[in-house]
Amino acid sequence: MKAMIFAAGLGSRLKPFTDSHPKALAVVNGKTLLERNILYLQKFGIKEVIVNVHHFADQIIDEIEKHNGWGSTITISDEREEVLETGGGLKKAAWYFEGNKAFVVMNVDILTDLDLMEMIRSHEQEKPLATLAVTQRKSTRYFLFDTYDALCGWRNVQTEEEKPADLIDTQEDYDLLKEKAFSGIHIISPDIFSLMKQEGKFSMVDVYLDLMKKNKINSFDHSGGVLIDVGKPESLLKAATLFG
């Protein structure tokens, strides 16, 4: 199985560190976020990884070369000309996943103890187009799942925006939906590339909301485990207490 790590983002929430470094190289107890996630994937036998780069791309490439990929074979997807967001970034790397095997995608600033093998087994058993790791935690944005744990919408609780616009017709519909916060980890069938209509710069959220009507997109709930979005300086400090 192969994987992609999204490492191209500007990391604006991690300023001032990201004024002169990419967020992928933020350090937690002597190891960068990128190294930690490369090693995390290795625990589940995944040693072929493509990493997209944009912000201070050369620093990431130099670090990978310096450490010989920490024991993995790492390919670079170069987005230095324009950062393509998650959907555009994945589509640019589609060539890497040619074949019929599902693959893992994860954000570089996520640290977790999620049992990825259990998630992979769930995906292989259910055979959806994609499986999204989620937890029941407080957030401002949620994926919405039906009683069968299939994706059916998205909600921003701050702005009250919902997608699709006709998501809820009755109070009964509202009560049946389950709000779950996305953990930044996906398992995806390569079939998705032939179904993506978007071009250029776009989000995977929009891809999933577009495709969920005709394709099953599942959730994998790992509530109760360790998960931290290392997006702010204070979360780096918290991560240091959780990951040795």
Protein backbone atom coordinates (compact mmCIF):
# COMPACT_ATOMS: atom_id res chain seq x y z
CA MET A 1 0.00 0.00 0.00
CA LYS A 2 1.16 3.53 -0.79
CA ALA A 3 0.43 6.82 0.98
CA MET A 4 0.40 10.56 0.45
CA ILE A 5 1.25 13.16 3.07
CA PHE A 6 -0.10 16.66 2.50
CA ALA A 7 2.78 18.99 3.44
CA ALA A 8 2.30 21.89 1.05
CA GLY A 9 0.23 24.19 3.26
CA LEU A 10 1.37 27.61 4.44
CA GLY A 11 0.87 26.75 8.11
CA SER A 12 -0.41 30.23 8.94
CA ARG A 13 -1.60 29.15 12.39
CA LEU A 14 1.96 28.15 13.32
CA LYS A 15 3.43 31.61 12.88
CA PRO A 16 6.06 32.83 13.62
CA PHE A 17 7.70 29.42 13.00
CA THR A 18 6.24 29.21 9.50
CA ASP A 19 7.57 32.66 8.56
CA SER A 20 10.86 30.90 7.86
CA HIS A 21 10.05 27.16 7.88
CA PRO A 22 7.41 24.76 6.54
CA LYS A 23 5.01 23.39 9.14
CA ALA A 24 6.12 19.87 8.20
CA LEU A 25 9.43 20.59 9.93
CA ALA A 26 7.95 21.76 13.22
CA VAL A 27 9.58 19.67 15.95
CA VAL A 28 7.96 17.57 18.67
CA ASN A 29 10.46 16.03 21.11
CA GLY A 30 13.33 16.08 18.65
CA LYS A 31 11.41 14.75 15.62
CA THR A 32 9.72 16.76 12.91
CA LEU A 33 6.05 16.25 12.12
CA LEU A 34 7.05 14.82 8.75
CA GLU A 35 9.44 12.29 10.28
CA ARG A 36 6.85 11.26 12.86
CA ASN A 37 4.24 10.55 10.20
CA ILE A 38 6.67 8.72 7.94
CA LEU A 39 7.50 6.48 10.94
CA TYR A 40 3.80 6.19 11.81
CA LEU A 41 3.05 4.82 8.33
CA GLN A 42 5.97 2.42 8.59
CA LYS A 43 4.36 0.82 11.65
CA PHE A 44 1.65 -0.43 9.31
CA GLY A 45 4.03 -1.59 6.59
CA ILE A 46 3.68 1.51 4.39
CA LYS A 47 7.07 2.61 3.09
CA GLU A 48 6.18 4.16 -0.28
CA VAL A 49 5.07 7.74 0.27
CA ILE A 50 4.55 10.79 -1.91
CA VAL A 51 4.80 14.20 -0.20
CA ASN A 52 3.52 17.40 -1.78
CA VAL A 53 5.55 20.55 -1.17
CA HIS A 54 5.08 24.30 -1.69
CA HIS A 55 5.95 26.51 1.29
CA PHE A 56 9.75 26.38 1.86
CA ALA A 57 9.77 23.27 -0.32
CA ASP A 58 13.56 23.07 -0.49
CA GLN A 59 13.79 22.69 3.28
CA ILE A 60 11.51 19.66 3.20
CA ILE A 61 13.37 18.08 0.29
CA ASP A 62 16.73 18.67 1.99
CA GLU A 63 15.49 17.09 5.23
CA ILE A 64 14.20 14.01 3.40
CA GLU A 65 17.49 13.59 1.53
CA LYS A 66 19.55 14.19 4.67
CA HIS A 67 17.79 11.33 6.46
CA ASN A 68 17.36 9.02 3.43
CA GLY A 69 13.60 9.17 3.86
CA TRP A 70 13.89 7.73 7.41
CA GLY A 71 13.86 4.29 5.81
CA SER A 72 10.99 4.92 3.37
CA THR A 73 11.03 5.63 -0.37
CA ILE A 74 9.73 9.18 -0.63
CA THR A 75 8.64 10.86 -3.85
CA ILE A 76 8.07 14.61 -4.11
CA SER A 77 5.01 16.19 -5.74
CA ASP A 78 6.18 19.71 -6.51
CA GLU A 79 3.58 22.46 -6.05
CA ARG A 80 6.03 25.34 -5.79
CA GLU A 81 4.30 27.23 -8.61
CA GLU A 82 0.91 27.09 -6.91
CA VAL A 83 -0.42 25.34 -3.84
CA LEU A 84 -3.34 23.21 -5.02
CA GLU A 85 -5.13 22.46 -1.72
CA THR A 86 -6.00 18.89 -0.79
CA GLY A 87 -8.07 17.92 -3.82
CA GLY A 88 -5.85 19.53 -6.41
CA GLY A 89 -2.77 18.19 -4.66
CA LEU A 90 -4.09 14.64 -4.70
CA LYS A 91 -5.15 14.88 -8.34
CA LYS A 92 -1.68 16.10 -9.34
CA ALA A 93 -0.24 12.98 -7.68
CA ALA A 94 -2.73 10.60 -9.32
CA TRP A 95 -0.01 9.04 -11.48
CA TYR A 96 1.67 7.72 -8.32
CA PHE A 97 -1.35 5.60 -7.44
CA GLU A 98 -1.94 3.94 -10.82
CA GLY A 99 -3.38 0.47 -10.33
CA ASN A 100 -6.23 -1.01 -8.34
CA LYS A 101 -4.96 -0.72 -4.79
CA ALA A 102 -6.42 1.64 -2.20
CA PHE A 103 -4.04 4.14 -0.61
CA VAL A 104 -3.73 6.28 2.51
CA VAL A 105 -3.75 10.08 2.58
CA MET A 106 -2.98 12.12 5.69
CA ASN A 107 -2.20 15.67 6.76
CA VAL A 108 1.35 16.26 7.96
CA ASP A 109 0.19 18.19 11.04
CA ILE A 110 -1.91 15.35 12.46
CA LEU A 111 -0.46 13.13 15.19
CA THR A 112 -2.48 10.14 16.33
CA ASP A 113 -2.45 6.63 17.74
CA LEU A 114 -5.18 5.53 15.31
CA ASP A 115 -4.87 1.83 14.42
CA LEU A 116 -4.48 2.34 10.70
CA MET A 117 -4.57 -1.40 10.00
CA GLU A 118 -8.00 -1.65 11.57
CA MET A 119 -9.17 1.23 9.38
CA ILE A 120 -7.70 -0.46 6.30
CA ARG A 121 -9.51 -3.71 7.14
CA SER A 122 -12.79 -1.79 7.48
CA HIS A 123 -12.24 -0.18 4.09
CA GLU A 124 -11.42 -3.51 2.43
CA GLN A 125 -14.49 -5.15 3.93
CA GLU A 126 -16.97 -2.39 3.09
CA LYS A 127 -15.36 -1.38 -0.25
CA PRO A 128 -16.51 2.27 -0.29
CA LEU A 129 -14.96 4.88 -2.56
CA ALA A 130 -13.27 6.36 0.51
CA THR A 131 -13.13 5.88 4.26
CA LEU A 132 -12.65 8.96 6.44
CA ALA A 133 -11.21 8.82 9.95
CA VAL A 134 -13.42 10.78 12.35
CA THR A 135 -14.01 11.31 16.04
CA GLN A 136 -16.81 12.67 18.16
CA ARG A 137 -15.10 15.83 19.37
CA LYS A 138 -15.89 19.52 19.45
CA SER A 139 -15.12 21.34 16.20
CA THR A 140 -16.40 24.18 14.07
CA ARG A 141 -16.82 22.01 10.98
CA TYR A 142 -18.30 18.55 10.74
CA PHE A 143 -18.90 15.85 8.19
CA LEU A 144 -22.45 14.55 8.54
CA PHE A 145 -23.20 10.83 8.38
CA ASP A 146 -26.46 8.91 8.18
CA THR A 147 -27.51 5.93 10.26
CA TYR A 148 -25.39 3.66 8.03
CA ASP A 149 -22.28 5.81 8.65
CA ALA A 150 -22.28 6.98 5.04
CA LEU A 151 -21.39 10.58 4.26
CA CYS A 152 -24.39 12.75 3.46
CA GLY A 153 -23.28 16.34 4.12
CA TRP A 154 -21.10 18.95 5.77
CA ARG A 155 -21.81 21.66 8.34
CA ASN A 156 -20.00 24.74 9.65
CA VAL A 157 -21.54 25.38 13.05
CA GLN A 158 -20.07 28.89 13.31
CA THR A 159 -21.50 30.20 10.04
CA GLU A 160 -24.43 27.74 9.97
CA GLU A 161 -23.49 26.92 6.38
CA GLU A 162 -24.52 23.44 5.24
CA LYS A 163 -23.74 21.47 2.13
CA PRO A 164 -25.69 20.45 0.16
CA ALA A 165 -28.08 23.37 0.57
CA ASP A 166 -31.11 21.05 0.62
CA LEU A 167 -29.56 18.75 3.19
CA ILE A 168 -32.35 18.91 5.77
CA ASP A 169 -36.04 18.94 4.94
CA THR A 170 -37.49 18.01 8.33
CA GLN A 171 -36.57 17.93 12.00
CA GLU A 172 -36.54 14.15 11.71
CA ASP A 173 -33.82 14.41 9.06
CA TYR A 174 -31.82 16.69 11.36
CA ASP A 175 -32.08 14.30 14.30
CA LEU A 176 -30.86 11.34 12.26
CA LEU A 177 -27.63 13.02 11.13
CA LYS A 178 -24.46 12.40 13.10
CA GLU A 179 -21.87 15.18 13.34
CA LYS A 180 -18.31 13.86 13.30
CA ALA A 181 -15.06 15.80 13.12
CA PHE A 182 -12.60 14.76 10.42
CA SER A 183 -9.20 13.53 11.59
CA GLY A 184 -7.27 14.35 8.41
CA ILE A 185 -6.74 10.71 7.41
CA HIS A 186 -8.38 9.02 4.42
CA ILE A 187 -8.22 5.63 2.72
CA ILE A 188 -9.18 6.08 -0.91
CA SER A 189 -9.87 3.85 -3.89
CA PRO A 190 -7.97 4.91 -7.04
CA ASP A 191 -11.36 4.91 -8.80
CA ILE A 192 -11.78 8.39 -7.39
CA PHE A 193 -9.48 9.92 -10.00
CA SER A 194 -11.78 9.07 -12.90
CA LEU A 195 -14.71 10.58 -10.99
CA MET A 196 -13.16 13.92 -9.98
CA LYS A 197 -14.66 16.75 -12.04
CA GLN A 198 -12.71 19.58 -10.42
CA GLU A 199 -9.54 21.03 -11.91
CA GLY A 200 -6.72 23.15 -10.51
CA LYS A 201 -7.03 24.24 -6.89
CA PHE A 202 -9.80 22.59 -4.85
CA SER A 203 -10.57 20.79 -1.61
CA MET A 204 -11.20 17.09 -1.03
CA VAL A 205 -14.25 18.14 0.98
CA ASP A 206 -15.87 19.38 -2.23
CA VAL A 207 -14.89 16.17 -4.02
CA TYR A 208 -16.54 14.02 -1.38
CA LEU A 209 -19.69 16.14 -1.24
CA ASP A 210 -19.93 15.92 -5.03
CA LEU A 211 -19.42 12.17 -5.19
CA MET A 212 -21.33 11.00 -2.11
CA LYS A 213 -24.68 10.91 -3.94
CA LYS A 214 -23.64 8.05 -6.19
CA ASN A 215 -20.73 6.59 -4.25
CA LYS A 216 -20.51 5.38 -0.68
CA ILE A 217 -18.06 7.32 1.50
CA ASN A 218 -17.73 5.76 4.93
CA SER A 219 -16.62 6.98 8.32
CA PHE A 220 -14.19 5.19 10.62
CA ASP A 221 -14.73 6.41 14.16
CA HIS A 222 -11.68 6.26 16.43
CA SER A 223 -13.08 8.34 19.29
CA GLY A 224 -11.28 7.74 22.56
CA GLY A 225 -7.86 7.51 20.98
CA VAL A 226 -5.14 10.14 20.84
CA LEU A 227 -5.46 12.76 18.12
CA ILE A 228 -3.92 16.20 17.96
CA ASP A 229 -3.96 18.77 15.18
CA VAL A 230 -0.53 20.36 15.53
CA GLY A 231 -1.58 23.59 13.89
CA LYS A 232 -0.80 26.15 16.59
CA PRO A 233 2.23 26.82 18.82
CA GLU A 234 0.29 25.74 21.92
CA SER A 235 -0.64 22.44 20.27
CA LEU A 236 3.07 21.74 19.71
CA LEU A 237 3.52 21.95 23.46
CA LYS A 238 0.58 19.63 24.06
CA ALA A 239 1.88 17.17 21.46
CA ALA A 240 5.20 17.02 23.31
CA THR A 241 3.36 15.64 26.35
CA LEU A 242 1.60 12.97 24.29
CA PHE A 243 4.26 11.80 21.85
CA GLY A 244 7.69 10.91 23.18
